[in-house]
Amino acid sequence: VFNEGYSGDIDLAAEAIRLTRQLAEETRHEEV
């Protein structure tokens, strides 16, 4: 979703960052 928002026709990058940031707050997963 971020890649599509970053280089595609629809700006989804900010939403992908928002959700990933929230997931990082909810977990301590290194890959998150």
Full PDB file with SEQRES, HELIX, SHEET, SSBOND, CRYST1, ORIGX, SCALE, CONECT and MASTER records, all heavy atoms in Angstrom:
SEQRES   1 A   32  VAL PHE ASN GLU GLY TYR SER GLY ASP ILE ASP LEU ALA          
SEQRES   2 A   32  ALA GLU ALA ILE ARG LEU THR ARG GLN LEU ALA GLU GLU          
SEQRES   3 A   32  THR ARG HIS GLU GLU VAL                                      
HELIX    1 AA1 PHE A    2  SER A    7  1                                   6    
HELIX    2 AA2 ALA A   13  GLU A   26  1                                  14    
CRYST1    1.000    1.000    1.000  90.00  90.00  90.00 P 1           1          
ORIGX1      1.000000  0.000000  0.000000        0.00000                         
ORIGX2      0.000000  1.000000  0.000000        0.00000                         
ORIGX3      0.000000  0.000000  1.000000        0.00000                         
SCALE1      1.000000  0.000000  0.000000        0.00000                         
SCALE2      0.000000  1.000000  0.000000        0.00000                         
SCALE3      0.000000  0.000000  1.000000        0.00000                         
ATOM      1  N   VAL A   1       0.840  -1.199   0.000  1.00  0.00           N  
ATOM      2  CA  VAL A   1       0.000   0.000   0.000  1.00  0.00           C  
ATOM      3  C   VAL A   1       0.878   1.253   0.000  1.00  0.00           C  
ATOM      4  O   VAL A   1       0.630   2.215  -0.741  1.00  0.00           O  
ATOM      5  CB  VAL A   1      -0.945   0.011   1.214  1.00  0.00           C  
ATOM      6  CG1 VAL A   1      -1.658   1.358   1.339  1.00  0.00           C  
ATOM      7  CG2 VAL A   1      -1.986  -1.097   1.075  1.00  0.00           C  
ATOM      8  N   PHE A   2       1.927   1.244   0.813  1.00  0.00           N  
ATOM      9  CA  PHE A   2       2.836   2.396   0.845  1.00  0.00           C  
ATOM     10  C   PHE A   2       3.493   2.601  -0.517  1.00  0.00           C  
ATOM     11  O   PHE A   2       3.576   3.721  -1.017  1.00  0.00           O  
ATOM     12  CB  PHE A   2       3.916   2.194   1.906  1.00  0.00           C  
ATOM     13  CG  PHE A   2       4.951   3.294   1.926  1.00  0.00           C  
ATOM     14  CD1 PHE A   2       4.690   4.485   2.567  1.00  0.00           C  
ATOM     15  CD2 PHE A   2       6.176   3.136   1.290  1.00  0.00           C  
ATOM     16  CE1 PHE A   2       5.628   5.513   2.593  1.00  0.00           C  
ATOM     17  CE2 PHE A   2       7.111   4.154   1.301  1.00  0.00           C  
ATOM     18  CZ  PHE A   2       6.839   5.352   1.953  1.00  0.00           C  
ATOM     19  N   ASN A   3       3.962   1.526  -1.127  1.00  0.00           N  
ATOM     20  CA  ASN A   3       4.619   1.651  -2.420  1.00  0.00           C  
ATOM     21  C   ASN A   3       3.673   2.188  -3.475  1.00  0.00           C  
ATOM     22  O   ASN A   3       4.061   2.998  -4.329  1.00  0.00           O  
ATOM     23  CB  ASN A   3       5.179   0.296  -2.873  1.00  0.00           C  
ATOM     24  CG  ASN A   3       6.457  -0.058  -2.161  1.00  0.00           C  
ATOM     25  OD1 ASN A   3       7.107   0.801  -1.561  1.00  0.00           O  
ATOM     26  ND2 ASN A   3       6.824  -1.326  -2.186  1.00  0.00           N  
ATOM     27  N   GLU A   4       2.430   1.750  -3.449  1.00  0.00           N  
ATOM     28  CA  GLU A   4       1.457   2.264  -4.403  1.00  0.00           C  
ATOM     29  C   GLU A   4       1.189   3.735  -4.133  1.00  0.00           C  
ATOM     30  O   GLU A   4       1.079   4.534  -5.054  1.00  0.00           O  
ATOM     31  CB  GLU A   4       0.159   1.469  -4.327  1.00  0.00           C  
ATOM     32  CG  GLU A   4      -0.819   1.804  -5.430  1.00  0.00           C  
ATOM     33  CD  GLU A   4      -0.281   1.522  -6.820  1.00  0.00           C  
ATOM     34  OE1 GLU A   4       0.363   0.481  -7.024  1.00  0.00           O  
ATOM     35  OE2 GLU A   4      -0.507   2.366  -7.714  1.00  0.00           O  
ATOM     36  N   GLY A   5       1.101   4.084  -2.853  1.00  0.00           N  
ATOM     37  CA  GLY A   5       0.873   5.483  -2.505  1.00  0.00           C  
ATOM     38  C   GLY A   5       2.074   6.351  -2.794  1.00  0.00           C  
ATOM     39  O   GLY A   5       1.950   7.529  -3.094  1.00  0.00           O  
ATOM     40  N   TYR A   6       3.272   5.759  -2.732  1.00  0.00           N  
ATOM     41  CA  TYR A   6       4.515   6.511  -2.915  1.00  0.00           C  
ATOM     42  C   TYR A   6       4.802   6.791  -4.379  1.00  0.00           C  
ATOM     43  O   TYR A   6       5.295   7.845  -4.734  1.00  0.00           O  
ATOM     44  CB  TYR A   6       5.669   5.709  -2.311  1.00  0.00           C  
ATOM     45  CG  TYR A   6       6.981   6.457  -2.216  1.00  0.00           C  
ATOM     46  CD1 TYR A   6       7.125   7.527  -1.333  1.00  0.00           C  
ATOM     47  CD2 TYR A   6       8.065   6.095  -2.986  1.00  0.00           C  
ATOM     48  CE1 TYR A   6       8.321   8.212  -1.223  1.00  0.00           C  
ATOM     49  CE2 TYR A   6       9.279   6.772  -2.884  1.00  0.00           C  
ATOM     50  CZ  TYR A   6       9.399   7.830  -2.002  1.00  0.00           C  
ATOM     51  OH  TYR A   6      10.584   8.495  -1.908  1.00  0.00           O  
ATOM     52  N   SER A   7       4.458   5.816  -5.248  1.00  0.00           N  
ATOM     53  CA  SER A   7       4.832   5.973  -6.651  1.00  0.00           C  
ATOM     54  C   SER A   7       3.672   5.819  -7.615  1.00  0.00           C  
ATOM     55  O   SER A   7       3.853   5.922  -8.813  1.00  0.00           O  
ATOM     56  CB  SER A   7       5.903   4.926  -7.020  1.00  0.00           C  
ATOM     57  OG  SER A   7       5.401   3.614  -6.827  1.00  0.00           O  
ATOM     58  N   GLY A   8       2.456   5.570  -7.124  1.00  0.00           N  
ATOM     59  CA  GLY A   8       1.347   5.301  -8.001  1.00  0.00           C  
ATOM     60  C   GLY A   8       0.411   6.479  -8.157  1.00  0.00           C  
ATOM     61  O   GLY A   8       0.759   7.635  -7.950  1.00  0.00           O  
ATOM     62  N   ASP A   9      -0.831   6.148  -8.548  1.00  0.00           N  
ATOM     63  CA  ASP A   9      -1.807   7.177  -8.867  1.00  0.00           C  
ATOM     64  C   ASP A   9      -2.620   7.621  -7.656  1.00  0.00           C  
ATOM     65  O   ASP A   9      -3.321   8.624  -7.709  1.00  0.00           O  
ATOM     66  CB  ASP A   9      -2.764   6.649  -9.940  1.00  0.00           C  
ATOM     67  CG  ASP A   9      -2.015   6.238 -11.202  1.00  0.00           C  
ATOM     68  OD1 ASP A   9      -1.051   6.934 -11.544  1.00  0.00           O  
ATOM     69  OD2 ASP A   9      -2.386   5.232 -11.822  1.00  0.00           O  
ATOM     70  N   ILE A  10      -2.592   6.864  -6.574  1.00  0.00           N  
ATOM     71  CA  ILE A  10      -3.384   7.167  -5.380  1.00  0.00           C  
ATOM     72  C   ILE A  10      -2.437   7.392  -4.205  1.00  0.00           C  
ATOM     73  O   ILE A  10      -1.530   6.604  -3.977  1.00  0.00           O  
ATOM     74  CB  ILE A  10      -4.344   6.006  -5.050  1.00  0.00           C  
ATOM     75  CG1 ILE A  10      -5.267   5.729  -6.245  1.00  0.00           C  
ATOM     76  CG2 ILE A  10      -5.169   6.312  -3.807  1.00  0.00           C  
ATOM     77  CD1 ILE A  10      -6.139   4.521  -6.061  1.00  0.00           C  
ATOM     78  N   ASP A  11      -2.666   8.494  -3.472  1.00  0.00           N  
ATOM     79  CA  ASP A  11      -1.779   8.799  -2.354  1.00  0.00           C  
ATOM     80  C   ASP A  11      -2.243   8.056  -1.108  1.00  0.00           C  
ATOM     81  O   ASP A  11      -3.110   8.512  -0.373  1.00  0.00           O  
ATOM     82  CB  ASP A  11      -1.758  10.304  -2.100  1.00  0.00           C  
ATOM     83  CG  ASP A  11      -0.753  10.674  -1.024  1.00  0.00           C  
ATOM     84  OD1 ASP A  11      -0.069   9.756  -0.528  1.00  0.00           O  
ATOM     85  OD2 ASP A  11      -0.647  11.857  -0.686  1.00  0.00           O  
ATOM     86  N   LEU A  12      -1.654   6.894  -0.874  1.00  0.00           N  
ATOM     87  CA  LEU A  12      -1.960   6.092   0.303  1.00  0.00           C  
ATOM     88  C   LEU A  12      -0.778   6.036   1.270  1.00  0.00           C  
ATOM     89  O   LEU A  12      -0.844   5.349   2.283  1.00  0.00           O  
ATOM     90  CB  LEU A  12      -2.341   4.663  -0.107  1.00  0.00           C  
ATOM     91  CG  LEU A  12      -3.602   4.511  -0.950  1.00  0.00           C  
ATOM     92  CD1 LEU A  12      -3.725   3.085  -1.446  1.00  0.00           C  
ATOM     93  CD2 LEU A  12      -4.831   4.901  -0.152  1.00  0.00           C  
ATOM     94  N   ALA A  13       0.312   6.727   0.927  1.00  0.00           N  
ATOM     95  CA  ALA A  13       1.529   6.588   1.722  1.00  0.00           C  
ATOM     96  C   ALA A  13       1.336   7.056   3.160  1.00  0.00           C  
ATOM     97  O   ALA A  13       1.766   6.392   4.109  1.00  0.00           O  
ATOM     98  CB  ALA A  13       2.672   7.363   1.064  1.00  0.00           C  
ATOM     99  N   ALA A  14       0.683   8.208   3.356  1.00  0.00           N  
ATOM    100  CA  ALA A  14       0.495   8.728   4.709  1.00  0.00           C  
ATOM    101  C   ALA A  14      -0.361   7.780   5.541  1.00  0.00           C  
ATOM    102  O   ALA A  14      -0.109   7.584   6.734  1.00  0.00           O  
ATOM    103  CB  ALA A  14      -0.141  10.119   4.647  1.00  0.00           C  
ATOM    104  N   GLU A  15      -1.386   7.184   4.918  1.00  0.00           N  
ATOM    105  CA  GLU A  15      -2.229   6.240   5.648  1.00  0.00           C  
ATOM    106  C   GLU A  15      -1.440   4.993   6.027  1.00  0.00           C  
ATOM    107  O   GLU A  15      -1.592   4.467   7.140  1.00  0.00           O  
ATOM    108  CB  GLU A  15      -3.439   5.871   4.777  1.00  0.00           C  
ATOM    109  CG  GLU A  15      -4.326   4.771   5.345  1.00  0.00           C  
ATOM    110  CD  GLU A  15      -5.136   5.209   6.561  1.00  0.00           C  
ATOM    111  OE1 GLU A  15      -4.866   6.300   7.105  1.00  0.00           O  
ATOM    112  OE2 GLU A  15      -6.027   4.448   6.980  1.00  0.00           O  
ATOM    113  N   ALA A  16      -0.596   4.505   5.117  1.00  0.00           N  
ATOM    114  CA  ALA A  16       0.221   3.331   5.433  1.00  0.00           C  
ATOM    115  C   ALA A  16       1.168   3.628   6.591  1.00  0.00           C  
ATOM    116  O   ALA A  16       1.366   2.787   7.477  1.00  0.00           O  
ATOM    117  CB  ALA A  16       1.005   2.890   4.196  1.00  0.00           C  
ATOM    118  N   ILE A  17       1.756   4.824   6.604  1.00  0.00           N  
ATOM    119  CA  ILE A  17       2.648   5.205   7.701  1.00  0.00           C  
ATOM    120  C   ILE A  17       1.868   5.282   9.007  1.00  0.00           C  
ATOM    121  O   ILE A  17       2.324   4.804  10.055  1.00  0.00           O  
ATOM    122  CB  ILE A  17       3.340   6.551   7.403  1.00  0.00           C  
ATOM    123  CG1 ILE A  17       4.353   6.380   6.259  1.00  0.00           C  
ATOM    124  CG2 ILE A  17       4.035   7.093   8.647  1.00  0.00           C  
ATOM    125  CD1 ILE A  17       4.975   7.674   5.795  1.00  0.00           C  
ATOM    126  N   ARG A  18       0.682   5.865   8.968  1.00  0.00           N  
ATOM    127  CA  ARG A  18      -0.136   5.994  10.172  1.00  0.00           C  
ATOM    128  C   ARG A  18      -0.435   4.627  10.774  1.00  0.00           C  
ATOM    129  O   ARG A  18      -0.293   4.415  11.984  1.00  0.00           O  
ATOM    130  CB  ARG A  18      -1.444   6.718   9.846  1.00  0.00           C  
ATOM    131  CG  ARG A  18      -2.295   7.044  11.071  1.00  0.00           C  
ATOM    132  CD  ARG A  18      -3.646   7.621  10.658  1.00  0.00           C  
ATOM    133  NE  ARG A  18      -4.511   6.601  10.095  1.00  0.00           N  
ATOM    134  CZ  ARG A  18      -5.259   5.773  10.809  1.00  0.00           C  
ATOM    135  NH1 ARG A  18      -5.219   5.817  12.135  1.00  0.00           N  
ATOM    136  NH2 ARG A  18      -6.035   4.886  10.222  1.00  0.00           N  
ATOM    137  N   LEU A  19      -0.850   3.690   9.936  1.00  0.00           N  
ATOM    138  CA  LEU A  19      -1.209   2.362  10.424  1.00  0.00           C  
ATOM    139  C   LEU A  19       0.024   1.597  10.913  1.00  0.00           C  
ATOM    140  O   LEU A  19      -0.032   0.891  11.927  1.00  0.00           O  
ATOM    141  CB  LEU A  19      -1.920   1.575   9.326  1.00  0.00           C  
ATOM    142  CG  LEU A  19      -3.316   2.093   8.960  1.00  0.00           C  
ATOM    143  CD1 LEU A  19      -3.844   1.377   7.720  1.00  0.00           C  
ATOM    144  CD2 LEU A  19      -4.291   1.935  10.123  1.00  0.00           C  
ATOM    145  N   THR A  20       1.136   1.732  10.205  1.00  0.00           N  
ATOM    146  CA  THR A  20       2.353   1.040  10.625  1.00  0.00           C  
ATOM    147  C   THR A  20       2.872   1.619  11.931  1.00  0.00           C  
ATOM    148  O   THR A  20       3.345   0.887  12.812  1.00  0.00           O  
ATOM    149  CB  THR A  20       3.438   1.145   9.536  1.00  0.00           C  
ATOM    150  OG1 THR A  20       2.901   0.692   8.295  1.00  0.00           O  
ATOM    151  CG2 THR A  20       4.648   0.289   9.893  1.00  0.00           C  
ATOM    152  N   ARG A  21       2.758   2.926  12.090  1.00  0.00           N  
ATOM    153  CA  ARG A  21       3.168   3.551  13.346  1.00  0.00           C  
ATOM    154  C   ARG A  21       2.305   3.021  14.500  1.00  0.00           C  
ATOM    155  O   ARG A  21       2.818   2.725  15.582  1.00  0.00           O  
ATOM    156  CB  ARG A  21       3.041   5.078  13.247  1.00  0.00           C  
ATOM    157  CG  ARG A  21       3.675   5.813  14.424  1.00  0.00           C  
ATOM    158  CD  ARG A  21       3.309   7.286  14.393  1.00  0.00           C  
ATOM    159  NE  ARG A  21       3.768   7.961  13.205  1.00  0.00           N  
ATOM    160  CZ  ARG A  21       5.005   8.403  13.023  1.00  0.00           C  
ATOM    161  NH1 ARG A  21       5.905   8.221  13.967  1.00  0.00           N  
ATOM    162  NH2 ARG A  21       5.340   9.034  11.912  1.00  0.00           N  
ATOM    163  N   GLN A  22       0.999   2.880  14.248  1.00  0.00           N  
ATOM    164  CA  GLN A  22       0.125   2.377  15.300  1.00  0.00           C  
ATOM    165  C   GLN A  22       0.461   0.922  15.629  1.00  0.00           C  
ATOM    166  O   GLN A  22       0.490   0.531  16.795  1.00  0.00           O  
ATOM    167  CB  GLN A  22      -1.332   2.471  14.870  1.00  0.00           C  
ATOM    168  CG  GLN A  22      -2.285   2.054  15.984  1.00  0.00           C  
ATOM    169  CD  GLN A  22      -3.729   2.031  15.550  1.00  0.00           C  
ATOM    170  OE1 GLN A  22      -4.033   2.321  14.403  1.00  0.00           O  
ATOM    171  NE2 GLN A  22      -4.610   1.677  16.455  1.00  0.00           N  
ATOM    172  N   LEU A  23       0.739   0.126  14.578  1.00  0.00           N  
ATOM    173  CA  LEU A  23       1.101  -1.273  14.808  1.00  0.00           C  
ATOM    174  C   LEU A  23       2.398  -1.365  15.607  1.00  0.00           C  
ATOM    175  O   LEU A  23       2.549  -2.239  16.471  1.00  0.00           O  
ATOM    176  CB  LEU A  23       1.237  -1.999  13.470  1.00  0.00           C  
ATOM    177  CG  LEU A  23       1.482  -3.505  13.519  1.00  0.00           C  
ATOM    178  CD1 LEU A  23       0.369  -4.204  14.287  1.00  0.00           C  
ATOM    179  CD2 LEU A  23       1.601  -4.074  12.108  1.00  0.00           C  
ATOM    180  N   ALA A  24       3.335  -0.462  15.333  1.00  0.00           N  
ATOM    181  CA  ALA A  24       4.592  -0.444  16.080  1.00  0.00           C  
ATOM    182  C   ALA A  24       4.353  -0.108  17.552  1.00  0.00           C  
ATOM    183  O   ALA A  24       5.044  -0.627  18.439  1.00  0.00           O  
ATOM    184  CB  ALA A  24       5.560   0.562  15.462  1.00  0.00           C  
ATOM    185  N   GLU A  25       3.352   0.760  17.814  1.00  0.00           N  
ATOM    186  CA  GLU A  25       3.032   1.094  19.199  1.00  0.00           C  
ATOM    187  C   GLU A  25       2.370  -0.072  19.921  1.00  0.00           C  
ATOM    188  O   GLU A  25       2.519  -0.228  21.136  1.00  0.00           O  
ATOM    189  CB  GLU A  25       2.100   2.312  19.226  1.00  0.00           C  
ATOM    190  CG  GLU A  25       2.752   3.608  18.741  1.00  0.00           C  
ATOM    191  CD  GLU A  25       1.734   4.717  18.561  1.00  0.00           C  
ATOM    192  OE1 GLU A  25       0.526   4.462  18.760  1.00  0.00           O  
ATOM    193  OE2 GLU A  25       2.147   5.847  18.210  1.00  0.00           O  
ATOM    194  N   GLU A  26       1.644  -0.897  19.170  1.00  0.00           N  
ATOM    195  CA  GLU A  26       0.912  -2.018  19.769  1.00  0.00           C  
ATOM    196  C   GLU A  26       1.802  -3.247  19.992  1.00  0.00           C  
ATOM    197  O   GLU A  26       1.456  -4.130  20.777  1.00  0.00           O  
ATOM    198  CB  GLU A  26      -0.265  -2.413  18.865  1.00  0.00           C  
ATOM    199  CG  GLU A  26      -1.288  -1.322  18.640  1.00  0.00           C  
ATOM    200  CD  GLU A  26      -2.218  -1.137  19.814  1.00  0.00           C  
ATOM    201  OE1 GLU A  26      -2.237  -2.030  20.674  1.00  0.00           O  
ATOM    202  OE2 GLU A  26      -2.903  -0.098  19.872  1.00  0.00           O  
ATOM    203  N   THR A  27       2.916  -3.330  19.269  1.00  0.00           N  
ATOM    204  CA  THR A  27       3.777  -4.513  19.342  1.00  0.00           C  
ATOM    205  C   THR A  27       5.220  -4.095  19.565  1.00  0.00           C  
ATOM    206  O   THR A  27       5.563  -2.923  19.503  1.00  0.00           O  
ATOM    207  CB  THR A  27       3.710  -5.330  18.034  1.00  0.00           C  
ATOM    208  OG1 THR A  27       4.347  -4.581  16.982  1.00  0.00           O  
ATOM    209  CG2 THR A  27       2.279  -5.625  17.631  1.00  0.00           C  
ATOM    210  N   ARG A  28       6.071  -5.085  19.804  1.00  0.00           N  
ATOM    211  CA  ARG A  28       7.521  -4.847  19.832  1.00  0.00           C  
ATOM    212  C   ARG A  28       8.180  -5.749  18.787  1.00  0.00           C  
ATOM    213  O   ARG A  28       9.213  -6.344  19.032  1.00  0.00           O  
ATOM    214  CB  ARG A  28       8.082  -5.119  21.233  1.00  0.00           C  
ATOM    215  CG  ARG A  28       7.842  -3.997  22.212  1.00  0.00           C  
ATOM    216  CD  ARG A  28       8.567  -4.218  23.524  1.00  0.00           C  
ATOM    217  NE  ARG A  28       9.990  -4.452  23.359  1.00  0.00           N  
ATOM    218  CZ  ARG A  28      10.895  -3.489  23.178  1.00  0.00           C  
ATOM    219  NH1 ARG A  28      10.519  -2.228  23.133  1.00  0.00           N  
ATOM    220  NH2 ARG A  28      12.170  -3.796  23.066  1.00  0.00           N  
ATOM    221  N   HIS A  29       7.543  -5.831  17.643  1.00  0.00           N  
ATOM    222  CA  HIS A  29       8.021  -6.677  16.556  1.00  0.00           C  
ATOM    223  C   HIS A  29       9.108  -5.921  15.778  1.00  0.00           C  
ATOM    224  O   HIS A  29       8.880  -4.810  15.303  1.00  0.00           O  
ATOM    225  CB  HIS A  29       6.848  -7.045  15.645  1.00  0.00           C  
ATOM    226  CG  HIS A  29       7.116  -8.184  14.728  1.00  0.00           C  
ATOM    227  ND1 HIS A  29       7.995  -8.105  13.672  1.00  0.00           N  
ATOM    228  CD2 HIS A  29       6.609  -9.445  14.701  1.00  0.00           C  
ATOM    229  CE1 HIS A  29       8.024  -9.263  13.028  1.00  0.00           C  
ATOM    230  NE2 HIS A  29       7.185 -10.092  13.630  1.00  0.00           N  
ATOM    231  N   GLU A  30      10.279  -6.552  15.637  1.00  0.00           N  
ATOM    232  CA  GLU A  30      11.407  -5.866  14.998  1.00  0.00           C  
ATOM    233  C   GLU A  30      11.099  -5.469  13.558  1.00  0.00           C  
ATOM    234  O   GLU A  30      11.499  -4.393  13.088  1.00  0.00           O  
ATOM    235  CB  GLU A  30      12.657  -6.770  15.006  1.00  0.00           C  
ATOM    236  CG  GLU A  30      13.182  -7.106  16.388  1.00  0.00           C  
ATOM    237  CD  GLU A  30      12.393  -8.217  17.047  1.00  0.00           C  
ATOM    238  OE1 GLU A  30      11.590  -8.871  16.348  1.00  0.00           O  
ATOM    239  OE2 GLU A  30      12.571  -8.434  18.263  1.00  0.00           O  
ATOM    240  N   GLU A  31      10.383  -6.329  12.838  1.00  0.00           N  
ATOM    241  CA  GLU A  31      10.105  -6.031  11.445  1.00  0.00           C  
ATOM    242  C   GLU A  31       9.041  -4.946  11.281  1.00  0.00           C  
ATOM    243  O   GLU A  31       9.036  -4.235  10.284  1.00  0.00           O  
ATOM    244  CB  GLU A  31       9.680  -7.305  10.702  1.00  0.00           C  
ATOM    245  CG  GLU A  31      10.848  -8.168  10.262  1.00  0.00           C  
ATOM    246  CD  GLU A  31      11.666  -7.488   9.175  1.00  0.00           C  
ATOM    247  OE1 GLU A  31      12.513  -6.626   9.515  1.00  0.00           O  
ATOM    248  OE2 GLU A  31      11.476  -7.801   7.999  1.00  0.00           O  
ATOM    249  N   VAL A  32       8.153  -4.808  12.257  1.00  0.00           N  
ATOM    250  CA  VAL A  32       7.222  -3.680  12.225  1.00  0.00           C  
ATOM    251  C   VAL A  32       8.016  -2.381  12.324  1.00  0.00           C  
ATOM    252  O   VAL A  32       7.791  -1.432  11.572  1.00  0.00           O  
ATOM    253  CB  VAL A  32       6.190  -3.781  13.361  1.00  0.00           C  
ATOM    254  CG1 VAL A  32       5.283  -2.552  13.369  1.00  0.00           C  
ATOM    255  CG2 VAL A  32       5.358  -5.050  13.213  1.00  0.00           C  
TER     256      VAL A  32                                                      
MASTER        0    0    0    2    0    0    0    6  255    1    0    3          
END                                                                             
